[in-house]
Amino acid sequence: MMRKHDRDHPPGESKVYTPWGYGDLLEKNYSKAIVKFTWGGTGYIESSSISYSIPIQVKLFSKDRKILTFDWNISHDFFLLFTQLKKQLSISAGTYIKLIHPMGSIREILGSDTPYSLKLKRNAKFVALLRQNIFWNENKKASNIEISNNGLTALKKTEDEFETALANITLTSGSYYWEIKVDLLVDDDDIFIGVADGNIPLSGHPPDLGMFWGFRCSGGKKFRPDSGIEDYGETAGNGDVVGVRLEYIGDNGSISFLRNGKDYGVAYTNVPTNVFPAVSMFYQRTQVTLICKN
């Protein structure tokens, strides 16, 4: 019988990682160990070849690309990893982190997962995707627009003037996509959807303000600051979903619009940075809702 004696063995730990895979540690002394492997075999191996943790790399794709390395106990779940990532990256409470393991097949990492349950190899590489939760900004809307549904729904209360609401996210670099459902379109020339400068007047006809790049639901038209309303797509009515895609190469943004998944192609290029998702409505009871997508 092998004598159990290991000052480096964490108390209560029986799961181990070895060059031959994961297993349960049955016995161990200074030189030898008996491991029952998850693939079915049991063997004597050098004690120095077993470990209770593995290095994990997390690569962040953002404006400032980073690679973070963690020495992670193979039996510990990843809930704490998400917490540590938020702390090290100074991520705000409204930002969602999605971890992807792209080796072999792409798999999303859950907080309840462990290296042992996933059978991860040493130096496993995760990709961290950050998504900021989008909602209408109570401090960036006209007075006759009412926000509800946890910031997702915007309702026009009167029909005195076109009035605008901006979302909470500043669009600066990379690729963005969001969707807006038309809950109620009251009449033609009613809803404008797109992006706007943060200093845009919150009252006024969007094509006349010189700070809005958008899609008019009536007739599926497009418009931008330096041109009139132009033909582009198809009408978006009650129940339709308008998608907005904005992609930056350097400081040059290209904006496209979709209706119920149908992409009408690039509407405009040269969209500047530091714009916001925007909606403008005229008639009373007109309502739209942001659709959050992971």
Protein backbone atom coordinates (compact mmCIF):
# COMPACT_ATOMS: atom_id res chain seq x y z
CA MET A 1 0.00 0.00 0.00
CA MET A 2 1.34 3.44 -0.94
CA ARG A 3 1.70 5.88 1.95
CA LYS A 4 -0.39 9.08 1.53
CA HIS A 5 1.88 12.01 2.21
CA ASP A 6 1.85 15.29 0.29
CA ARG A 7 2.24 18.71 1.85
CA ASP A 8 1.27 20.35 -1.51
CA HIS A 9 -1.96 18.45 -1.88
CA PRO A 10 -4.87 20.86 -1.19
CA PRO A 11 -7.08 19.47 1.60
CA GLY A 12 -10.10 17.65 0.25
CA GLU A 13 -8.91 17.78 -3.38
CA SER A 14 -9.03 14.53 -5.34
CA LYS A 15 -9.38 15.78 -8.92
CA VAL A 16 -6.06 16.11 -10.76
CA TYR A 17 -4.73 17.05 -14.15
CA THR A 18 -1.94 15.02 -15.78
CA PRO A 19 -0.30 14.80 -19.21
CA TRP A 20 -2.56 11.78 -19.80
CA GLY A 21 -5.79 13.56 -18.93
CA TYR A 22 -7.97 14.20 -15.90
CA GLY A 23 -8.55 11.76 -13.12
CA ASP A 24 -9.15 11.09 -9.44
CA LEU A 25 -6.13 10.87 -7.17
CA LEU A 26 -6.31 7.62 -5.21
CA GLU A 27 -2.95 7.71 -3.42
CA LYS A 28 0.21 9.79 -3.56
CA ASN A 29 3.61 10.07 -1.91
CA TYR A 30 6.71 12.10 -2.73
CA SER A 31 7.58 10.16 -5.87
CA LYS A 32 4.59 8.16 -7.11
CA ALA A 33 0.84 8.57 -7.41
CA ILE A 34 -2.07 6.34 -8.33
CA VAL A 35 -4.63 8.04 -10.56
CA LYS A 36 -7.93 6.70 -11.86
CA PHE A 37 -8.39 8.44 -15.20
CA THR A 38 -11.74 9.65 -16.52
CA TRP A 39 -11.19 7.61 -19.67
CA GLY A 40 -11.26 4.41 -17.65
CA GLY A 41 -7.68 3.41 -16.87
CA THR A 42 -5.78 3.45 -13.58
CA GLY A 43 -2.05 3.97 -13.44
CA TYR A 44 1.07 4.75 -11.43
CA ILE A 45 2.64 8.06 -12.49
CA GLU A 46 5.30 10.44 -11.21
CA SER A 47 3.94 12.68 -8.48
CA SER A 48 5.58 15.67 -10.15
CA SER A 49 3.41 15.16 -13.24
CA ILE A 50 0.10 15.84 -11.51
CA SER A 51 -1.39 19.27 -10.82
CA TYR A 52 -4.49 20.68 -9.20
CA SER A 53 -4.74 23.77 -11.42
CA ILE A 54 -4.09 24.77 -15.02
CA PRO A 55 -3.16 28.08 -16.69
CA ILE A 56 -6.05 29.72 -18.55
CA GLN A 57 -5.73 32.68 -20.92
CA VAL A 58 -8.56 35.15 -21.55
CA LYS A 59 -8.20 37.30 -24.67
CA LEU A 60 -10.27 40.46 -24.83
CA PHE A 61 -11.22 41.86 -28.24
CA SER A 62 -11.90 45.55 -27.74
CA LYS A 63 -10.31 48.89 -28.54
CA ASP A 64 -7.54 48.05 -26.05
CA ARG A 65 -6.78 44.38 -26.64
CA LYS A 66 -5.61 42.49 -23.59
CA ILE A 67 -4.59 38.96 -22.64
CA LEU A 68 -5.10 37.96 -19.00
CA THR A 69 -3.71 34.75 -17.49
CA PHE A 70 -5.18 32.88 -14.53
CA ASP A 71 -3.95 29.82 -12.63
CA TRP A 72 -7.30 28.08 -12.10
CA ASN A 73 -8.07 25.18 -9.77
CA ILE A 74 -9.55 22.44 -11.94
CA SER A 75 -12.39 21.81 -9.47
CA HIS A 76 -13.41 25.46 -9.07
CA ASP A 77 -16.26 26.88 -11.13
CA PHE A 78 -15.92 30.02 -13.25
CA PHE A 79 -18.32 32.31 -11.38
CA LEU A 80 -15.33 33.91 -9.66
CA LEU A 81 -13.54 34.24 -13.01
CA PHE A 82 -16.35 36.45 -14.33
CA THR A 83 -16.10 38.56 -11.16
CA GLN A 84 -12.32 38.89 -11.48
CA LEU A 85 -12.60 39.87 -15.15
CA LYS A 86 -15.07 42.64 -14.35
CA LYS A 87 -12.76 43.94 -11.64
CA GLN A 88 -9.52 43.80 -13.65
CA LEU A 89 -11.11 45.33 -16.75
CA SER A 90 -13.07 47.96 -14.75
CA ILE A 91 -16.28 46.86 -16.45
CA SER A 92 -19.43 48.71 -15.49
CA ALA A 93 -22.39 46.95 -13.92
CA GLY A 94 -24.40 47.33 -17.14
CA THR A 95 -21.93 45.35 -19.24
CA TYR A 96 -22.34 41.66 -19.97
CA ILE A 97 -19.31 39.35 -20.39
CA LYS A 98 -19.56 36.32 -22.64
CA LEU A 99 -16.69 33.81 -22.59
CA ILE A 100 -16.11 31.60 -25.62
CA HIS A 101 -13.80 28.58 -25.89
CA PRO A 102 -13.03 28.40 -29.63
CA MET A 103 -10.86 25.27 -29.72
CA GLY A 104 -12.45 22.48 -31.79
CA SER A 105 -16.09 23.49 -31.56
CA ILE A 106 -17.11 26.91 -30.26
CA ARG A 107 -18.59 26.67 -26.78
CA GLU A 108 -19.88 29.31 -24.41
CA ILE A 109 -18.36 29.08 -20.93
CA LEU A 110 -20.88 29.17 -18.09
CA GLY A 111 -20.25 30.23 -14.52
CA SER A 112 -21.10 26.73 -13.31
CA ASP A 113 -18.47 25.11 -15.57
CA THR A 114 -15.10 23.94 -14.24
CA PRO A 115 -11.88 22.98 -16.05
CA TYR A 116 -12.55 19.41 -14.90
CA SER A 117 -16.12 19.29 -16.25
CA LEU A 118 -14.98 20.67 -19.62
CA LYS A 119 -11.78 18.59 -19.70
CA LEU A 120 -9.77 21.69 -20.59
CA LYS A 121 -6.10 21.36 -21.48
CA ARG A 122 -3.30 23.44 -20.00
CA ASN A 123 -3.12 26.96 -21.40
CA ALA A 124 -6.75 26.81 -22.53
CA LYS A 125 -7.69 30.00 -24.36
CA PHE A 126 -10.97 31.85 -23.86
CA VAL A 127 -12.24 34.82 -25.86
CA ALA A 128 -14.10 37.47 -23.84
CA LEU A 129 -16.88 39.32 -25.65
CA LEU A 130 -18.30 42.41 -23.98
CA ARG A 131 -21.84 43.61 -24.58
CA GLN A 132 -23.19 46.69 -22.89
CA ASN A 133 -26.87 46.44 -22.09
CA ILE A 134 -28.69 48.98 -24.24
CA PHE A 135 -31.62 51.06 -23.00
CA TRP A 136 -33.16 54.48 -23.60
CA ASN A 137 -31.45 57.17 -21.56
CA GLU A 138 -33.86 59.03 -19.27
CA ASN A 139 -31.49 62.01 -19.34
CA LYS A 140 -31.29 62.10 -23.14
CA LYS A 141 -34.93 62.21 -24.23
CA ALA A 142 -37.55 64.83 -24.97
CA SER A 143 -40.08 65.60 -22.26
CA ASN A 144 -43.05 64.05 -24.08
CA ILE A 145 -41.41 60.64 -24.44
CA GLU A 146 -42.11 58.18 -21.64
CA ILE A 147 -39.62 55.38 -20.92
CA SER A 148 -40.77 52.08 -19.37
CA ASN A 149 -40.08 48.32 -19.42
CA ASN A 150 -36.66 48.66 -17.73
CA GLY A 151 -35.63 51.35 -20.17
CA LEU A 152 -36.47 49.37 -23.32
CA THR A 153 -39.80 50.91 -24.38
CA ALA A 154 -40.32 54.51 -25.55
CA LEU A 155 -43.87 55.93 -25.82
CA LYS A 156 -44.82 59.29 -27.37
CA LYS A 157 -47.33 61.03 -25.10
CA THR A 158 -48.35 63.98 -27.33
CA GLU A 159 -48.09 64.99 -30.99
CA ASP A 160 -46.89 68.58 -30.69
CA GLU A 161 -43.56 67.96 -32.45
CA PHE A 162 -41.11 65.26 -33.51
CA GLU A 163 -39.22 64.29 -30.37
CA THR A 164 -36.12 62.16 -29.95
CA ALA A 165 -34.71 59.70 -27.42
CA LEU A 166 -31.08 58.53 -27.34
CA ALA A 167 -29.79 55.26 -25.91
CA ASN A 168 -27.13 54.94 -23.23
CA ILE A 169 -24.31 53.63 -25.45
CA THR A 170 -21.74 55.85 -27.16
CA LEU A 171 -20.69 54.26 -30.47
CA THR A 172 -16.98 54.79 -30.99
CA SER A 173 -15.25 51.82 -32.67
CA GLY A 174 -15.79 48.25 -33.81
CA SER A 175 -19.12 46.72 -34.85
CA TYR A 176 -22.57 47.27 -33.33
CA TYR A 177 -26.00 45.79 -33.98
CA TRP A 178 -29.31 46.40 -32.26
CA GLU A 179 -32.99 46.02 -33.08
CA ILE A 180 -36.07 48.14 -32.47
CA LYS A 181 -39.58 46.72 -32.65
CA VAL A 182 -42.33 49.00 -33.94
CA ASP A 183 -45.04 48.44 -31.34
CA LEU A 184 -47.42 51.08 -32.73
CA LEU A 185 -47.05 53.17 -35.89
CA VAL A 186 -49.90 55.69 -35.88
CA ASP A 187 -49.48 57.37 -39.29
CA ASP A 188 -47.04 58.04 -42.13
CA ASP A 189 -43.84 60.04 -41.59
CA ASP A 190 -44.02 58.94 -37.96
CA ILE A 191 -40.92 57.03 -36.75
CA PHE A 192 -37.26 57.65 -37.55
CA ILE A 193 -34.65 55.10 -36.38
CA GLY A 194 -30.86 55.33 -36.55
CA VAL A 195 -27.98 57.14 -34.86
CA ALA A 196 -27.58 60.76 -33.80
CA ASP A 197 -24.99 63.14 -32.44
CA GLY A 198 -25.18 63.50 -28.66
CA ASN A 199 -25.84 67.24 -29.03
CA ILE A 200 -28.86 66.84 -31.30
CA PRO A 201 -31.89 68.98 -30.34
CA LEU A 202 -34.42 66.61 -28.82
CA SER A 203 -37.31 68.35 -30.58
CA GLY A 204 -37.49 68.83 -34.34
CA HIS A 205 -37.83 66.95 -37.64
CA PRO A 206 -34.77 64.62 -37.74
CA PRO A 207 -33.84 65.13 -41.44
CA ASP A 208 -33.74 68.90 -40.83
CA LEU A 209 -31.51 68.81 -37.73
CA GLY A 210 -28.24 67.87 -39.47
CA MET A 211 -27.22 65.38 -36.77
CA PHE A 212 -29.16 62.18 -37.57
CA TRP A 213 -28.35 59.23 -39.88
CA GLY A 214 -31.51 57.22 -40.16
CA PHE A 215 -34.28 55.08 -41.57
CA ARG A 216 -37.84 56.39 -41.92
CA CYS A 217 -40.33 53.61 -41.27
CA SER A 218 -42.86 55.07 -43.70
CA GLY A 219 -41.72 54.04 -47.18
CA GLY A 220 -38.45 52.58 -45.91
CA LYS A 221 -36.56 55.78 -46.75
CA LYS A 222 -33.07 56.80 -45.61
CA PHE A 223 -31.62 60.21 -44.75
CA ARG A 224 -28.43 61.87 -43.48
CA PRO A 225 -27.33 65.39 -42.53
CA ASP A 226 -26.08 66.48 -45.96
CA SER A 227 -28.85 65.06 -48.17
CA GLY A 228 -32.62 64.82 -48.36
CA ILE A 229 -34.80 61.78 -47.81
CA GLU A 230 -33.90 59.04 -50.33
CA ASP A 231 -35.31 55.72 -51.52
CA TYR A 232 -33.76 52.75 -49.76
CA GLY A 233 -35.87 49.85 -48.42
CA GLU A 234 -39.45 48.94 -47.57
CA THR A 235 -42.02 50.26 -45.12
CA ALA A 236 -41.76 49.05 -41.51
CA GLY A 237 -45.15 48.90 -39.81
CA ASN A 238 -46.76 47.58 -36.65
CA GLY A 239 -44.96 44.53 -35.30
CA ASP A 240 -41.99 44.85 -37.66
CA VAL A 241 -38.43 44.80 -36.33
CA VAL A 242 -35.89 47.29 -37.66
CA GLY A 243 -32.25 46.24 -37.28
CA VAL A 244 -29.40 48.76 -37.24
CA ARG A 245 -25.81 47.76 -38.03
CA LEU A 246 -22.94 50.22 -37.58
CA GLU A 247 -19.37 49.17 -38.42
CA TYR A 248 -16.28 51.31 -37.99
CA ILE A 249 -13.01 51.06 -39.87
CA GLY A 250 -10.90 53.64 -38.11
CA ASP A 251 -13.11 56.70 -37.66
CA ASN A 252 -15.28 55.92 -40.69
CA GLY A 253 -18.62 54.30 -39.88
CA SER A 254 -20.90 52.44 -42.30
CA ILE A 255 -24.57 52.15 -41.34
CA SER A 256 -27.06 49.59 -42.66
CA PHE A 257 -30.69 48.88 -41.87
CA LEU A 258 -32.72 45.68 -41.86
CA ARG A 259 -36.44 44.95 -41.65
CA ASN A 260 -37.44 41.60 -40.14
CA GLY A 261 -33.98 40.26 -40.95
CA LYS A 262 -33.86 41.50 -44.57
CA ASP A 263 -30.69 43.53 -45.05
CA TYR A 264 -30.99 46.52 -47.40
CA GLY A 265 -27.23 47.04 -47.55
CA VAL A 266 -25.08 50.00 -46.60
CA ALA A 267 -27.17 53.15 -46.41
CA TYR A 268 -24.32 55.56 -45.69
CA THR A 269 -20.59 55.66 -45.02
CA ASN A 270 -18.63 58.39 -43.22
CA VAL A 271 -20.79 58.16 -40.11
CA PRO A 272 -18.69 59.84 -37.38
CA THR A 273 -17.73 58.37 -34.03
CA ASN A 274 -19.37 59.29 -30.73
CA VAL A 275 -22.95 58.91 -31.94
CA PHE A 276 -25.84 57.22 -30.11
CA PRO A 277 -28.68 54.86 -31.06
CA ALA A 278 -31.69 57.11 -31.59
CA VAL A 279 -35.42 57.13 -32.30
CA SER A 280 -37.69 60.05 -33.14
CA MET A 281 -41.52 59.94 -33.06
CA PHE A 282 -44.36 62.37 -33.75
CA TYR A 283 -47.87 61.06 -33.12
CA GLN A 284 -49.38 60.40 -29.71
CA ARG A 285 -49.34 56.71 -28.64
CA THR A 286 -46.52 55.84 -31.05
CA GLN A 287 -44.34 53.26 -29.32
CA VAL A 288 -41.12 51.33 -29.98
CA THR A 289 -39.15 48.77 -27.96
CA LEU A 290 -35.44 47.94 -27.99
CA ILE A 291 -34.74 44.24 -28.38
CA CYS A 292 -31.74 43.08 -26.36
CA LYS A 293 -29.61 40.41 -28.07
CA ASN A 294 -26.75 38.48 -26.45
